[in-house]
Amino acid sequence: MPSERDTAFPLKNGKITLFAEFFKFCNFRLPITTFCKSMLDKYVVHISQMYPLGLAKLRHFEYACLGLGFLPEPLVFRALYTLVWKTPFFTFDR
């Protein structure tokens, strides 16, 4: 964990910076789920490049599928959402 004097940038060797909102708002947990990892890999996006609302859409889709008794399918997610660049981060839009 960082100290109060640590800053997000410049990045320290071997470390990444994540929004605190990932854990509060997006229900992001470590270790990352297989679906979330597969989607980030498919789009070739690092978690630190995601905007919190974009990650929330990914996680909400995953929870909705699991709540309905289905495994989350990348093709269905990609039919509903498009990865877009909204400076300086990526997000998912309809």
N, C-alpha and C. Protein backbone atom coordinates (compact mmCIF):
# COMPACT_ATOMS: atom_id res chain seq x y z
N MET A 1 0.84 -1.18 0.00
CA MET A 1 0.00 0.00 0.00
C MET A 1 0.89 1.24 0.00
N PRO A 2 0.43 2.27 -0.71
CA PRO A 2 1.22 3.51 -0.74
C PRO A 2 1.10 4.28 0.58
N SER A 3 2.10 5.09 0.83
CA SER A 3 2.01 5.98 1.98
C SER A 3 1.26 7.24 1.56
N GLU A 4 0.94 8.10 2.51
CA GLU A 4 0.21 9.33 2.20
C GLU A 4 1.01 10.26 1.32
N ARG A 5 2.33 10.15 1.34
CA ARG A 5 3.18 11.03 0.53
C ARG A 5 3.43 10.49 -0.87
N ASP A 6 3.07 9.25 -1.13
CA ASP A 6 3.28 8.67 -2.46
C ASP A 6 2.34 9.31 -3.47
N THR A 7 2.81 9.39 -4.69
CA THR A 7 1.99 9.91 -5.78
C THR A 7 1.79 8.82 -6.83
N ALA A 8 0.76 8.96 -7.65
CA ALA A 8 0.47 7.95 -8.67
C ALA A 8 1.50 7.97 -9.79
N PHE A 9 2.01 9.14 -10.09
CA PHE A 9 2.97 9.28 -11.18
C PHE A 9 4.17 10.07 -10.70
N PRO A 10 5.35 9.78 -11.12
CA PRO A 10 5.69 8.75 -12.08
C PRO A 10 5.56 7.36 -11.46
N LEU A 11 5.26 6.39 -12.29
CA LEU A 11 5.10 5.02 -11.82
C LEU A 11 6.41 4.49 -11.29
N LYS A 12 6.30 3.74 -10.21
CA LYS A 12 7.47 3.08 -9.65
C LYS A 12 7.68 1.75 -10.37
N ASN A 13 8.91 1.34 -10.50
CA ASN A 13 9.24 0.10 -11.19
C ASN A 13 8.51 -1.08 -10.55
N GLY A 14 7.78 -1.83 -11.38
CA GLY A 14 7.06 -3.01 -10.91
C GLY A 14 5.72 -2.72 -10.27
N LYS A 15 5.25 -1.47 -10.32
CA LYS A 15 3.98 -1.09 -9.70
C LYS A 15 3.03 -0.54 -10.76
N ILE A 16 1.72 -0.60 -10.48
CA ILE A 16 0.72 0.04 -11.32
C ILE A 16 -0.16 0.91 -10.44
N THR A 17 -0.83 1.86 -11.05
CA THR A 17 -1.73 2.73 -10.33
C THR A 17 -3.17 2.40 -10.73
N LEU A 18 -4.04 2.23 -9.74
CA LEU A 18 -5.46 1.98 -9.99
C LEU A 18 -6.27 3.03 -9.25
N PHE A 19 -7.43 3.38 -9.80
CA PHE A 19 -8.35 4.27 -9.12
C PHE A 19 -8.89 3.58 -7.88
N ALA A 20 -9.03 4.30 -6.78
CA ALA A 20 -9.68 3.76 -5.58
C ALA A 20 -11.13 3.40 -5.90
N GLU A 21 -11.73 4.14 -6.85
CA GLU A 21 -13.12 3.87 -7.25
C GLU A 21 -13.28 2.48 -7.84
N PHE A 22 -12.21 1.88 -8.40
CA PHE A 22 -12.30 0.52 -8.91
C PHE A 22 -12.81 -0.41 -7.79
N PHE A 23 -12.30 -0.22 -6.60
CA PHE A 23 -12.64 -1.10 -5.49
C PHE A 23 -13.95 -0.69 -4.83
N LYS A 24 -14.23 0.63 -4.79
CA LYS A 24 -15.46 1.11 -4.14
C LYS A 24 -16.67 1.02 -5.06
N PHE A 25 -16.56 1.58 -6.25
CA PHE A 25 -17.69 1.75 -7.15
C PHE A 25 -17.88 0.57 -8.10
N CYS A 26 -16.80 -0.01 -8.57
CA CYS A 26 -16.87 -1.04 -9.62
C CYS A 26 -16.87 -2.46 -9.07
N ASN A 27 -16.79 -2.61 -7.76
CA ASN A 27 -16.72 -3.92 -7.12
C ASN A 27 -15.56 -4.75 -7.67
N PHE A 28 -14.46 -4.07 -7.94
CA PHE A 28 -13.25 -4.72 -8.43
C PHE A 28 -12.56 -5.40 -7.25
N ARG A 29 -12.13 -6.62 -7.45
CA ARG A 29 -11.43 -7.36 -6.41
C ARG A 29 -10.23 -8.07 -7.02
N LEU A 30 -9.27 -8.33 -6.16
CA LEU A 30 -8.10 -9.10 -6.56
C LEU A 30 -8.20 -10.47 -5.91
N PRO A 31 -7.90 -11.54 -6.55
CA PRO A 31 -7.46 -11.60 -7.95
C PRO A 31 -8.60 -11.28 -8.90
N ILE A 32 -8.24 -10.79 -10.05
CA ILE A 32 -9.20 -10.39 -11.09
C ILE A 32 -9.92 -11.63 -11.62
N THR A 33 -11.18 -11.47 -12.03
CA THR A 33 -11.93 -12.63 -12.54
C THR A 33 -11.42 -13.03 -13.92
N THR A 34 -11.66 -14.26 -14.28
CA THR A 34 -11.23 -14.78 -15.58
C THR A 34 -11.89 -14.01 -16.71
N PHE A 35 -13.19 -13.69 -16.57
CA PHE A 35 -13.89 -12.96 -17.62
C PHE A 35 -13.29 -11.56 -17.80
N CYS A 36 -13.08 -10.87 -16.72
CA CYS A 36 -12.51 -9.52 -16.79
C CYS A 36 -11.13 -9.55 -17.45
N LYS A 37 -10.31 -10.49 -17.05
CA LYS A 37 -8.96 -10.64 -17.63
C LYS A 37 -9.05 -10.96 -19.11
N SER A 38 -9.96 -11.86 -19.49
CA SER A 38 -10.07 -12.23 -20.90
C SER A 38 -10.52 -11.05 -21.75
N MET A 39 -11.41 -10.21 -21.21
CA MET A 39 -11.88 -9.05 -21.97
C MET A 39 -10.78 -8.01 -22.12
N LEU A 40 -10.03 -7.76 -21.06
CA LEU A 40 -8.93 -6.80 -21.16
C LEU A 40 -7.86 -7.32 -22.13
N ASP A 41 -7.60 -8.61 -22.10
CA ASP A 41 -6.65 -9.21 -23.04
C ASP A 41 -7.16 -9.11 -24.48
N LYS A 42 -8.45 -9.37 -24.67
CA LYS A 42 -9.04 -9.32 -26.02
C LYS A 42 -8.92 -7.93 -26.61
N TYR A 43 -9.14 -6.90 -25.78
CA TYR A 43 -9.05 -5.52 -26.25
C TYR A 43 -7.63 -4.96 -26.16
N VAL A 44 -6.71 -5.73 -25.61
CA VAL A 44 -5.31 -5.33 -25.42
C VAL A 44 -5.24 -4.00 -24.64
N VAL A 45 -5.94 -3.99 -23.50
CA VAL A 45 -5.99 -2.83 -22.62
C VAL A 45 -5.53 -3.27 -21.24
N HIS A 46 -4.64 -2.50 -20.63
CA HIS A 46 -4.19 -2.78 -19.27
C HIS A 46 -5.20 -2.18 -18.29
N ILE A 47 -5.40 -2.80 -17.16
CA ILE A 47 -6.37 -2.34 -16.17
C ILE A 47 -6.12 -0.89 -15.77
N SER A 48 -4.88 -0.47 -15.75
CA SER A 48 -4.56 0.90 -15.36
C SER A 48 -4.95 1.92 -16.44
N GLN A 49 -5.33 1.45 -17.63
CA GLN A 49 -5.76 2.33 -18.71
C GLN A 49 -7.28 2.49 -18.75
N MET A 50 -8.00 1.81 -17.85
CA MET A 50 -9.46 1.84 -17.85
C MET A 50 -9.99 2.95 -16.97
N TYR A 51 -11.05 3.60 -17.44
CA TYR A 51 -11.78 4.58 -16.67
C TYR A 51 -12.74 3.81 -15.76
N PRO A 52 -12.97 4.25 -14.51
CA PRO A 52 -13.82 3.47 -13.60
C PRO A 52 -15.20 3.13 -14.13
N LEU A 53 -15.87 4.03 -14.83
CA LEU A 53 -17.20 3.71 -15.35
C LEU A 53 -17.15 2.61 -16.41
N GLY A 54 -16.08 2.56 -17.18
CA GLY A 54 -15.93 1.49 -18.15
C GLY A 54 -15.76 0.14 -17.48
N LEU A 55 -14.95 0.11 -16.43
CA LEU A 55 -14.77 -1.14 -15.68
C LEU A 55 -16.07 -1.54 -14.99
N ALA A 56 -16.83 -0.56 -14.51
CA ALA A 56 -18.12 -0.86 -13.87
C ALA A 56 -19.06 -1.54 -14.86
N LYS A 57 -19.09 -1.10 -16.11
CA LYS A 57 -19.95 -1.72 -17.12
C LYS A 57 -19.55 -3.18 -17.36
N LEU A 58 -18.26 -3.41 -17.40
CA LEU A 58 -17.75 -4.77 -17.59
C LEU A 58 -18.15 -5.66 -16.42
N ARG A 59 -17.96 -5.16 -15.20
CA ARG A 59 -18.29 -5.95 -14.01
C ARG A 59 -19.80 -6.14 -13.87
N HIS A 60 -20.59 -5.11 -14.16
CA HIS A 60 -22.05 -5.24 -14.06
C HIS A 60 -22.58 -6.26 -15.06
N PHE A 61 -22.02 -6.27 -16.25
CA PHE A 61 -22.41 -7.28 -17.24
C PHE A 61 -22.12 -8.68 -16.71
N GLU A 62 -20.94 -8.83 -16.14
CA GLU A 62 -20.54 -10.13 -15.60
C GLU A 62 -21.49 -10.57 -14.49
N TYR A 63 -21.81 -9.68 -13.56
CA TYR A 63 -22.73 -10.01 -12.47
C TYR A 63 -24.13 -10.30 -12.97
N ALA A 64 -24.60 -9.54 -13.95
CA ALA A 64 -25.94 -9.78 -14.50
C ALA A 64 -26.02 -11.18 -15.11
N CYS A 65 -25.00 -11.55 -15.87
CA CYS A 65 -24.99 -12.90 -16.48
C CYS A 65 -25.00 -13.98 -15.41
N LEU A 66 -24.13 -13.83 -14.41
CA LEU A 66 -24.06 -14.84 -13.36
C LEU A 66 -25.36 -14.89 -12.56
N GLY A 67 -25.97 -13.73 -12.32
CA GLY A 67 -27.24 -13.67 -11.60
C GLY A 67 -28.37 -14.35 -12.35
N LEU A 68 -28.29 -14.34 -13.69
CA LEU A 68 -29.31 -14.99 -14.52
C LEU A 68 -28.99 -16.46 -14.79
N GLY A 69 -27.85 -16.92 -14.27
CA GLY A 69 -27.48 -18.32 -14.41
C GLY A 69 -26.70 -18.64 -15.67
N PHE A 70 -26.13 -17.62 -16.31
CA PHE A 70 -25.34 -17.81 -17.51
C PHE A 70 -23.89 -17.42 -17.26
N LEU A 71 -23.00 -18.07 -17.98
CA LEU A 71 -21.62 -17.61 -17.97
C LEU A 71 -21.52 -16.38 -18.86
N PRO A 72 -20.77 -15.36 -18.44
CA PRO A 72 -20.63 -14.17 -19.28
C PRO A 72 -19.88 -14.51 -20.57
N GLU A 73 -20.44 -14.10 -21.68
CA GLU A 73 -19.86 -14.40 -22.99
C GLU A 73 -19.25 -13.14 -23.60
N PRO A 74 -17.97 -13.20 -23.96
CA PRO A 74 -17.33 -12.04 -24.58
C PRO A 74 -18.05 -11.54 -25.83
N LEU A 75 -18.58 -12.44 -26.66
CA LEU A 75 -19.27 -12.01 -27.88
C LEU A 75 -20.54 -11.22 -27.57
N VAL A 76 -21.24 -11.59 -26.52
CA VAL A 76 -22.45 -10.86 -26.14
C VAL A 76 -22.06 -9.48 -25.61
N PHE A 77 -21.02 -9.43 -24.78
CA PHE A 77 -20.56 -8.13 -24.26
C PHE A 77 -20.14 -7.22 -25.41
N ARG A 78 -19.42 -7.77 -26.37
CA ARG A 78 -18.95 -6.98 -27.51
C ARG A 78 -20.11 -6.52 -28.40
N ALA A 79 -21.21 -7.26 -28.40
CA ALA A 79 -22.39 -6.83 -29.16
C ALA A 79 -23.08 -5.65 -28.48
N LEU A 80 -22.94 -5.54 -27.17
CA LEU A 80 -23.58 -4.48 -26.42
C LEU A 80 -22.70 -3.24 -26.23
N TYR A 81 -21.41 -3.44 -26.13
CA TYR A 81 -20.49 -2.34 -25.80
C TYR A 81 -19.33 -2.26 -26.78
N THR A 82 -18.84 -1.04 -26.96
CA THR A 82 -17.69 -0.78 -27.80
C THR A 82 -16.62 -0.10 -26.96
N LEU A 83 -15.39 -0.52 -27.10
CA LEU A 83 -14.29 0.13 -26.40
C LEU A 83 -13.99 1.45 -27.09
N VAL A 84 -13.96 2.53 -26.32
CA VAL A 84 -13.66 3.85 -26.87
C VAL A 84 -12.59 4.52 -26.03
N TRP A 85 -11.85 5.42 -26.66
CA TRP A 85 -10.82 6.19 -26.00
C TRP A 85 -11.41 7.54 -25.62
N LYS A 86 -11.49 7.79 -24.33
CA LYS A 86 -11.92 9.10 -23.83
C LYS A 86 -10.76 9.61 -22.99
N THR A 87 -9.99 10.47 -23.60
CA THR A 87 -8.73 10.94 -23.04
C THR A 87 -8.85 11.20 -21.55
N PRO A 88 -7.98 10.68 -20.74
CA PRO A 88 -6.80 9.89 -21.07
C PRO A 88 -6.98 8.39 -20.83
N PHE A 89 -8.22 7.90 -20.79
CA PHE A 89 -8.46 6.50 -20.48
C PHE A 89 -9.44 5.86 -21.46
N PHE A 90 -9.50 4.52 -21.41
CA PHE A 90 -10.47 3.77 -22.20
C PHE A 90 -11.74 3.56 -21.37
N THR A 91 -12.86 3.41 -22.06
CA THR A 91 -14.12 3.06 -21.41
C THR A 91 -14.96 2.27 -22.40
N PHE A 92 -16.09 1.77 -21.96
CA PHE A 92 -17.01 1.04 -22.82
C PHE A 92 -18.27 1.88 -22.99
N ASP A 93 -18.69 2.08 -24.24
CA ASP A 93 -19.92 2.81 -24.56
C ASP A 93 -20.82 1.91 -25.37
N ARG A 94 -22.09 2.26 -25.43
CA ARG A 94 -23.05 1.51 -26.24
C ARG A 94 -23.05 2.03 -27.63
